[in-house]
Amino acid sequence: MKALYDKEAAKTINRLDAPTKQRIRKAVNDIPEGDIKPLKGYTDGRKRLRIGKFRIIFREAEKDSEKILFIMEIGSRGDIYK
């Protein structure tokens, strides 16, 4: 499974400290495992992945029979849903 990061999501992950970056990247690579729930109110299949106090908003797609994860947003629990 290939992960594509939105420009803002990539900036956010690059600003984090090394252990947090590692936790987030490991969690993204381990999808579909983890605390994942679909987001209500969206029709494009957005889901959220919980990693401690951080949340990752993503959606899955298939292109040329290869699964692709679009990482749309990464942020703290209180700010991500605003």
PDB file of N, CA and C in Angstrom:
ATOM      1  N   MET A   1       0.849  -1.173   0.000  1.00  0.00           N
ATOM      2  CA  MET A   1       0.000   0.000   0.000  1.00  0.00           C
ATOM      3  C   MET A   1       0.897   1.239   0.000  1.00  0.00           C
ATOM      4  N   LYS A   2       0.581   2.157  -0.879  1.00  0.00           N
ATOM      5  CA  LYS A   2       1.370   3.375  -1.046  1.00  0.00           C
ATOM      6  C   LYS A   2       0.661   4.529  -0.339  1.00  0.00           C
ATOM      7  N   ALA A   3       1.407   5.357   0.368  1.00  0.00           N
ATOM      8  CA  ALA A   3       0.836   6.510   1.069  1.00  0.00           C
ATOM      9  C   ALA A   3       1.282   7.798   0.384  1.00  0.00           C
ATOM     10  N   LEU A   4       0.310   8.638   0.045  1.00  0.00           N
ATOM     11  CA  LEU A   4       0.587   9.951  -0.528  1.00  0.00           C
ATOM     12  C   LEU A   4       0.154  11.012   0.477  1.00  0.00           C
ATOM     13  N   TYR A   5       1.054  11.931   0.801  1.00  0.00           N
ATOM     14  CA  TYR A   5       0.788  12.962   1.798  1.00  0.00           C
ATOM     15  C   TYR A   5       0.417  14.276   1.131  1.00  0.00           C
ATOM     16  N   ASP A   6      -0.629  14.916   1.633  1.00  0.00           N
ATOM     17  CA  ASP A   6      -0.976  16.267   1.231  1.00  0.00           C
ATOM     18  C   ASP A   6       0.167  17.195   1.644  1.00  0.00           C
ATOM     19  N   LYS A   7       0.318  18.305   0.965  1.00  0.00           N
ATOM     20  CA  LYS A   7       1.408  19.244   1.258  1.00  0.00           C
ATOM     21  C   LYS A   7       1.399  19.696   2.721  1.00  0.00           C
ATOM     22  N   GLU A   8       0.220  20.051   3.238  1.00  0.00           N
ATOM     23  CA  GLU A   8       0.121  20.509   4.633  1.00  0.00           C
ATOM     24  C   GLU A   8       0.396  19.374   5.616  1.00  0.00           C
ATOM     25  N   ALA A   9      -0.035  18.171   5.290  1.00  0.00           N
ATOM     26  CA  ALA A   9       0.216  17.023   6.161  1.00  0.00           C
ATOM     27  C   ALA A   9       1.711  16.724   6.228  1.00  0.00           C
ATOM     28  N   ALA A  10       2.394  16.837   5.104  1.00  0.00           N
ATOM     29  CA  ALA A  10       3.840  16.621   5.074  1.00  0.00           C
ATOM     30  C   ALA A  10       4.565  17.675   5.899  1.00  0.00           C
ATOM     31  N   LYS A  11       4.120  18.931   5.803  1.00  0.00           N
ATOM     32  CA  LYS A  11       4.723  19.996   6.613  1.00  0.00           C
ATOM     33  C   LYS A  11       4.533  19.723   8.094  1.00  0.00           C
ATOM     34  N   THR A  12       3.334  19.292   8.459  1.00  0.00           N
ATOM     35  CA  THR A  12       3.039  19.013   9.861  1.00  0.00           C
ATOM     36  C   THR A  12       3.923  17.908  10.395  1.00  0.00           C
ATOM     37  N   ILE A  13       4.052  16.829   9.652  1.00  0.00           N
ATOM     38  CA  ILE A  13       4.852  15.702  10.128  1.00  0.00           C
ATOM     39  C   ILE A  13       6.332  16.075  10.210  1.00  0.00           C
ATOM     40  N   ASN A  14       6.803  16.930   9.324  1.00  0.00           N
ATOM     41  CA  ASN A  14       8.208  17.334   9.362  1.00  0.00           C
ATOM     42  C   ASN A  14       8.534  18.229  10.555  1.00  0.00           C
ATOM     43  N   ARG A  15       7.534  18.907  11.104  1.00  0.00           N
ATOM     44  CA  ARG A  15       7.758  19.779  12.260  1.00  0.00           C
ATOM     45  C   ARG A  15       7.792  19.019  13.582  1.00  0.00           C
ATOM     46  N   LEU A  16       7.376  17.768  13.586  1.00  0.00           N
ATOM     47  CA  LEU A  16       7.291  16.997  14.824  1.00  0.00           C
ATOM     48  C   LEU A  16       8.660  16.452  15.229  1.00  0.00           C
ATOM     49  N   ASP A  17       8.765  16.077  16.511  1.00  0.00           N
ATOM     50  CA  ASP A  17      10.015  15.488  16.991  1.00  0.00           C
ATOM     51  C   ASP A  17      10.160  14.064  16.441  1.00  0.00           C
ATOM     52  N   ALA A  18      11.377  13.539  16.473  1.00  0.00           N
ATOM     53  CA  ALA A  18      11.693  12.258  15.835  1.00  0.00           C
ATOM     54  C   ALA A  18      10.859  11.079  16.359  1.00  0.00           C
ATOM     55  N   PRO A  19      10.684  10.905  17.677  1.00  0.00           N
ATOM     56  CA  PRO A  19       9.870   9.761  18.127  1.00  0.00           C
ATOM     57  C   PRO A  19       8.416   9.831  17.665  1.00  0.00           C
ATOM     58  N   THR A  20       7.842  11.031  17.622  1.00  0.00           N
ATOM     59  CA  THR A  20       6.458  11.185  17.177  1.00  0.00           C
ATOM     60  C   THR A  20       6.347  10.908  15.685  1.00  0.00           C
ATOM     61  N   LYS A  21       7.308  11.405  14.905  1.00  0.00           N
ATOM     62  CA  LYS A  21       7.329  11.115  13.463  1.00  0.00           C
ATOM     63  C   LYS A  21       7.343   9.608  13.235  1.00  0.00           C
ATOM     64  N   GLN A  22       8.182   8.924  13.981  1.00  0.00           N
ATOM     65  CA  GLN A  22       8.322   7.484  13.826  1.00  0.00           C
ATOM     66  C   GLN A  22       7.014   6.765  14.176  1.00  0.00           C
ATOM     67  N   ARG A  23       6.343   7.186  15.260  1.00  0.00           N
ATOM     68  CA  ARG A  23       5.066   6.584  15.648  1.00  0.00           C
ATOM     69  C   ARG A  23       4.010   6.783  14.561  1.00  0.00           C
ATOM     70  N   ILE A  24       3.959   8.000  13.997  1.00  0.00           N
ATOM     71  CA  ILE A  24       2.968   8.298  12.972  1.00  0.00           C
ATOM     72  C   ILE A  24       3.245   7.507  11.699  1.00  0.00           C
ATOM     73  N   ARG A  25       4.480   7.475  11.255  1.00  0.00           N
ATOM     74  CA  ARG A  25       4.815   6.729  10.037  1.00  0.00           C
ATOM     75  C   ARG A  25       4.562   5.239  10.199  1.00  0.00           C
ATOM     76  N   LYS A  26       4.872   4.692  11.378  1.00  0.00           N
ATOM     77  CA  LYS A  26       4.606   3.274  11.639  1.00  0.00           C
ATOM     78  C   LYS A  26       3.110   3.004  11.601  1.00  0.00           C
ATOM     79  N   ALA A  27       2.313   3.891  12.202  1.00  0.00           N
ATOM     80  CA  ALA A  27       0.857   3.713  12.210  1.00  0.00           C
ATOM     81  C   ALA A  27       0.287   3.784  10.800  1.00  0.00           C
ATOM     82  N   VAL A  28       0.800   4.693   9.969  1.00  0.00           N
ATOM     83  CA  VAL A  28       0.330   4.808   8.588  1.00  0.00           C
ATOM     84  C   VAL A  28       0.677   3.535   7.811  1.00  0.00           C
ATOM     85  N   ASN A  29       1.865   2.999   8.021  1.00  0.00           N
ATOM     86  CA  ASN A  29       2.265   1.778   7.331  1.00  0.00           C
ATOM     87  C   ASN A  29       1.470   0.567   7.801  1.00  0.00           C
ATOM     88  N   ASP A  30       0.943   0.595   9.030  1.00  0.00           N
ATOM     89  CA  ASP A  30       0.192  -0.534   9.574  1.00  0.00           C
ATOM     90  C   ASP A  30      -1.300  -0.474   9.272  1.00  0.00           C
ATOM     91  N   ILE A  31      -1.768   0.575   8.574  1.00  0.00           N
ATOM     92  CA  ILE A  31      -3.194   0.648   8.230  1.00  0.00           C
ATOM     93  C   ILE A  31      -3.529  -0.585   7.405  1.00  0.00           C
ATOM     94  N   PRO A  32      -4.546  -1.317   7.652  1.00  0.00           N
ATOM     95  CA  PRO A  32      -5.830  -1.043   8.270  1.00  0.00           C
ATOM     96  C   PRO A  32      -5.912  -1.384   9.747  1.00  0.00           C
ATOM     97  N   GLU A  33      -4.813  -1.633  10.425  1.00  0.00           N
ATOM     98  CA  GLU A  33      -4.854  -1.895  11.858  1.00  0.00           C
ATOM     99  C   GLU A  33      -4.812  -0.572  12.603  1.00  0.00           C
ATOM    100  N   GLY A  34      -5.309  -0.571  13.812  1.00  0.00           N
ATOM    101  CA  GLY A  34      -5.302   0.636  14.626  1.00  0.00           C
ATOM    102  C   GLY A  34      -6.709   1.114  14.910  1.00  0.00           C
ATOM    103  N   ASP A  35      -6.796   2.235  15.596  1.00  0.00           N
ATOM    104  CA  ASP A  35      -8.087   2.819  15.977  1.00  0.00           C
ATOM    105  C   ASP A  35      -8.583   3.691  14.830  1.00  0.00           C
ATOM    106  N   ILE A  36      -9.319   3.086  13.905  1.00  0.00           N
ATOM    107  CA  ILE A  36      -9.803   3.769  12.706  1.00  0.00           C
ATOM    108  C   ILE A  36     -11.319   3.832  12.743  1.00  0.00           C
ATOM    109  N   LYS A  37     -11.848   5.016  12.458  1.00  0.00           N
ATOM    110  CA  LYS A  37     -13.296   5.197  12.398  1.00  0.00           C
ATOM    111  C   LYS A  37     -13.627   6.070  11.197  1.00  0.00           C
ATOM    112  N   PRO A  38     -14.759   5.795  10.531  1.00  0.00           N
ATOM    113  CA  PRO A  38     -15.179   6.676   9.424  1.00  0.00           C
ATOM    114  C   PRO A  38     -15.682   8.002   9.964  1.00  0.00           C
ATOM    115  N   LEU A  39     -15.451   9.082   9.224  1.00  0.00           N
ATOM    116  CA  LEU A  39     -15.925  10.398   9.616  1.00  0.00           C
ATOM    117  C   LEU A  39     -17.334  10.603   9.094  1.00  0.00           C
ATOM    118  N   LYS A  40     -18.182  11.108   9.956  1.00  0.00           N
ATOM    119  CA  LYS A  40     -19.568  11.367   9.567  1.00  0.00           C
ATOM    120  C   LYS A  40     -19.649  12.679   8.791  1.00  0.00           C
ATOM    121  N   GLY A  41     -20.589  12.745   7.866  1.00  0.00           N
ATOM    122  CA  GLY A  41     -20.820  13.977   7.125  1.00  0.00           C
ATOM    123  C   GLY A  41     -20.018  14.095   5.844  1.00  0.00           C
ATOM    124  N   TYR A  42     -19.187  13.108   5.524  1.00  0.00           N
ATOM    125  CA  TYR A  42     -18.396  13.138   4.295  1.00  0.00           C
ATOM    126  C   TYR A  42     -18.798  11.967   3.415  1.00  0.00           C
ATOM    127  N   THR A  43     -18.883  12.212   2.129  1.00  0.00           N
ATOM    128  CA  THR A  43     -19.271  11.147   1.207  1.00  0.00           C
ATOM    129  C   THR A  43     -18.080  10.569   0.447  1.00  0.00           C
ATOM    130  N   ASP A  44     -16.872  11.097   0.697  1.00  0.00           N
ATOM    131  CA  ASP A  44     -15.706  10.612  -0.037  1.00  0.00           C
ATOM    132  C   ASP A  44     -14.947   9.504   0.696  1.00  0.00           C
ATOM    133  N   GLY A  45     -15.506   8.985   1.778  1.00  0.00           N
ATOM    134  CA  GLY A  45     -14.897   7.853   2.475  1.00  0.00           C
ATOM    135  C   GLY A  45     -13.771   8.217   3.421  1.00  0.00           C
ATOM    136  N   ARG A  46     -13.783   9.426   3.945  1.00  0.00           N
ATOM    137  CA  ARG A  46     -12.731   9.839   4.885  1.00  0.00           C
ATOM    138  C   ARG A  46     -12.819   9.043   6.175  1.00  0.00           C
ATOM    139  N   LYS A  47     -11.646   8.745   6.702  1.00  0.00           N
ATOM    140  CA  LYS A  47     -11.552   8.035   7.977  1.00  0.00           C
ATOM    141  C   LYS A  47     -10.516   8.740   8.829  1.00  0.00           C
ATOM    142  N   ARG A  48     -10.552   8.447  10.118  1.00  0.00           N
ATOM    143  CA  ARG A  48      -9.530   9.011  10.993  1.00  0.00           C
ATOM    144  C   ARG A  48      -8.817   7.881  11.706  1.00  0.00           C
ATOM    145  N   LEU A  49      -7.538   8.078  11.899  1.00  0.00           N
ATOM    146  CA  LEU A  49      -6.689   7.151  12.629  1.00  0.00           C
ATOM    147  C   LEU A  49      -6.214   7.863  13.873  1.00  0.00           C
ATOM    148  N   ARG A  50      -6.424   7.245  15.026  1.00  0.00           N
ATOM    149  CA  ARG A  50      -6.021   7.835  16.300  1.00  0.00           C
ATOM    150  C   ARG A  50      -4.678   7.276  16.719  1.00  0.00           C
ATOM    151  N   ILE A  51      -3.737   8.194  17.020  1.00  0.00           N
ATOM    152  CA  ILE A  51      -2.418   7.835  17.527  1.00  0.00           C
ATOM    153  C   ILE A  51      -2.141   8.723  18.724  1.00  0.00           C
ATOM    154  N   GLY A  52      -2.513   8.259  19.902  1.00  0.00           N
ATOM    155  CA  GLY A  52      -2.359   9.079  21.094  1.00  0.00           C
ATOM    156  C   GLY A  52      -3.174  10.345  20.969  1.00  0.00           C
ATOM    157  N   LYS A  53      -2.528  11.498  21.103  1.00  0.00           N
ATOM    158  CA  LYS A  53      -3.261  12.767  20.989  1.00  0.00           C
ATOM    159  C   LYS A  53      -3.349  13.276  19.553  1.00  0.00           C
ATOM    160  N   PHE A  54      -2.750  12.554  18.622  1.00  0.00           N
ATOM    161  CA  PHE A  54      -2.782  12.965  17.214  1.00  0.00           C
ATOM    162  C   PHE A  54      -3.847  12.205  16.447  1.00  0.00           C
ATOM    163  N   ARG A  55      -4.353  12.855  15.400  1.00  0.00           N
ATOM    164  CA  ARG A  55      -5.325  12.248  14.507  1.00  0.00           C
ATOM    165  C   ARG A  55      -4.836  12.419  13.079  1.00  0.00           C
ATOM    166  N   ILE A  56      -5.035  11.386  12.284  1.00  0.00           N
ATOM    167  CA  ILE A  56      -4.699  11.422  10.866  1.00  0.00           C
ATOM    168  C   ILE A  56      -5.992  11.233  10.091  1.00  0.00           C
ATOM    169  N   ILE A  57      -6.308  12.172   9.221  1.00  0.00           N
ATOM    170  CA  ILE A  57      -7.487  12.080   8.365  1.00  0.00           C
ATOM    171  C   ILE A  57      -6.997  11.564   7.012  1.00  0.00           C
ATOM    172  N   PHE A  58      -7.588  10.468   6.551  1.00  0.00           N
ATOM    173  CA  PHE A  58      -7.149   9.870   5.300  1.00  0.00           C
ATOM    174  C   PHE A  58      -8.333   9.253   4.568  1.00  0.00           C
ATOM    175  N   ARG A  59      -8.083   8.901   3.322  1.00  0.00           N
ATOM    176  CA  ARG A  59      -9.051   8.115   2.565  1.00  0.00           C
ATOM    177  C   ARG A  59      -8.277   7.149   1.692  1.00  0.00           C
ATOM    178  N   GLU A  60      -8.925   6.064   1.360  1.00  0.00           N
ATOM    179  CA  GLU A  60      -8.294   5.022   0.565  1.00  0.00           C
ATOM    180  C   GLU A  60      -8.840   5.059  -0.861  1.00  0.00           C
ATOM    181  N   ALA A  61      -7.987   4.715  -1.801  1.00  0.00           N
ATOM    182  CA  ALA A  61      -8.402   4.632  -3.200  1.00  0.00           C
ATOM    183  C   ALA A  61      -7.628   3.495  -3.858  1.00  0.00           C
ATOM    184  N   GLU A  62      -8.069   3.143  -5.027  1.00  0.00           N
ATOM    185  CA  GLU A  62      -7.378   2.110  -5.780  1.00  0.00           C
ATOM    186  C   GLU A  62      -7.092   2.639  -7.172  1.00  0.00           C
ATOM    187  N   LYS A  63      -5.843   2.524  -7.568  1.00  0.00           N
ATOM    188  CA  LYS A  63      -5.430   3.010  -8.886  1.00  0.00           C
ATOM    189  C   LYS A  63      -4.565   1.932  -9.526  1.00  0.00           C
ATOM    190  N   ASP A  64      -4.962   1.487 -10.682  1.00  0.00           N
ATOM    191  CA  ASP A  64      -4.227   0.428 -11.387  1.00  0.00           C
ATOM    192  C   ASP A  64      -4.026  -0.794 -10.498  1.00  0.00           C
ATOM    193  N   SER A  65      -5.073  -1.200  -9.812  1.00  0.00           N
ATOM    194  CA  SER A  65      -5.102  -2.349  -8.891  1.00  0.00           C
ATOM    195  C   SER A  65      -4.087  -2.234  -7.747  1.00  0.00           C
ATOM    196  N   GLU A  66      -3.670  -1.019  -7.411  1.00  0.00           N
ATOM    197  CA  GLU A  66      -2.783  -0.768  -6.271  1.00  0.00           C
ATOM    198  C   GLU A  66      -3.521   0.121  -5.285  1.00  0.00           C
ATOM    199  N   LYS A  67      -3.504  -0.268  -4.016  1.00  0.00           N
ATOM    200  CA  LYS A  67      -4.174   0.542  -3.003  1.00  0.00           C
ATOM    201  C   LYS A  67      -3.313   1.755  -2.666  1.00  0.00           C
ATOM    202  N   ILE A  68      -3.971   2.905  -2.565  1.00  0.00           N
ATOM    203  CA  ILE A  68      -3.289   4.158  -2.250  1.00  0.00           C
ATOM    204  C   ILE A  68      -3.994   4.813  -1.075  1.00  0.00           C
ATOM    205  N   LEU A  69      -3.217   5.298  -0.125  1.00  0.00           N
ATOM    206  CA  LEU A  69      -3.741   6.064   1.006  1.00  0.00           C
ATOM    207  C   LEU A  69      -3.441   7.530   0.754  1.00  0.00           C
ATOM    208  N   PHE A  70      -4.460   8.358   0.793  1.00  0.00           N
ATOM    209  CA  PHE A  70      -4.269   9.797   0.690  1.00  0.00           C
ATOM    210  C   PHE A  70      -4.334  10.357   2.103  1.00  0.00           C
ATOM    211  N   ILE A  71      -3.193  10.772   2.647  1.00  0.00           N
ATOM    212  CA  ILE A  71      -3.134  11.371   3.974  1.00  0.00           C
ATOM    213  C   ILE A  71      -3.472  12.841   3.789  1.00  0.00           C
ATOM    214  N   MET A  72      -4.643  13.243   4.292  1.00  0.00           N
ATOM    215  CA  MET A  72      -5.144  14.585   4.040  1.00  0.00           C
ATOM    216  C   MET A  72      -4.740  15.582   5.121  1.00  0.00           C
ATOM    217  N   GLU A  73      -4.819  15.170   6.383  1.00  0.00           N
ATOM    218  CA  GLU A  73      -4.502  16.069   7.488  1.00  0.00           C
ATOM    219  C   GLU A  73      -3.884  15.290   8.631  1.00  0.00           C
ATOM    220  N   ILE A  74      -2.981  15.950   9.346  1.00  0.00           N
ATOM    221  CA  ILE A  74      -2.411  15.414  10.575  1.00  0.00           C
ATOM    222  C   ILE A  74      -2.465  16.541  11.584  1.00  0.00           C
ATOM    223  N   GLY A  75      -2.974  16.259  12.771  1.00  0.00           N
ATOM    224  CA  GLY A  75      -3.054  17.302  13.781  1.00  0.00           C
ATOM    225  C   GLY A  75      -3.408  16.755  15.138  1.00  0.00           C
ATOM    226  N   SER A  76      -3.411  17.637  16.117  1.00  0.00           N
ATOM    227  CA  SER A  76      -3.758  17.234  17.471  1.00  0.00           C
ATOM    228  C   SER A  76      -5.266  17.053  17.600  1.00  0.00           C
ATOM    229  N   ARG A  77      -5.656  16.336  18.595  1.00  0.00           N
ATOM    230  CA  ARG A  77      -7.052  15.962  18.803  1.00  0.00           C
ATOM    231  C   ARG A  77      -7.990  17.158  18.828  1.00  0.00           C
ATOM    232  N   GLY A  78      -7.585  18.239  19.454  1.00  0.00           N
ATOM    233  CA  GLY A  78      -8.465  19.391  19.603  1.00  0.00           C
ATOM    234  C   GLY A  78      -8.593  20.258  18.369  1.00  0.00           C
ATOM    235  N   ASP A  79      -7.605  20.191  17.480  1.00  0.00           N
ATOM    236  CA  ASP A  79      -7.572  21.095  16.330  1.00  0.00           C
ATOM    237  C   ASP A  79      -7.984  20.457  15.013  1.00  0.00           C
ATOM    238  N   ILE A  80      -7.902  19.168  14.890  1.00  0.00           N
ATOM    239  CA  ILE A  80      -8.064  18.515  13.603  1.00  0.00           C
ATOM    240  C   ILE A  80      -9.474  18.606  13.054  1.00  0.00           C
ATOM    241  N   TYR A  81     -10.483  18.644  13.900  1.00  0.00           N
ATOM    242  CA  TYR A  81     -11.868  18.602  13.431  1.00  0.00           C
ATOM    243  C   TYR A  81     -12.474  19.971  13.189  1.00  0.00           C
ATOM    244  N   LYS A  82     -11.705  21.037  13.367  1.00  0.00           N
ATOM    245  CA  LYS A  82     -12.240  22.401  13.202  1.00  0.00           C
ATOM    246  C   LYS A  82     -12.203  22.822  11.763  1.00  0.00           C
TER     247      LYS A  82
END
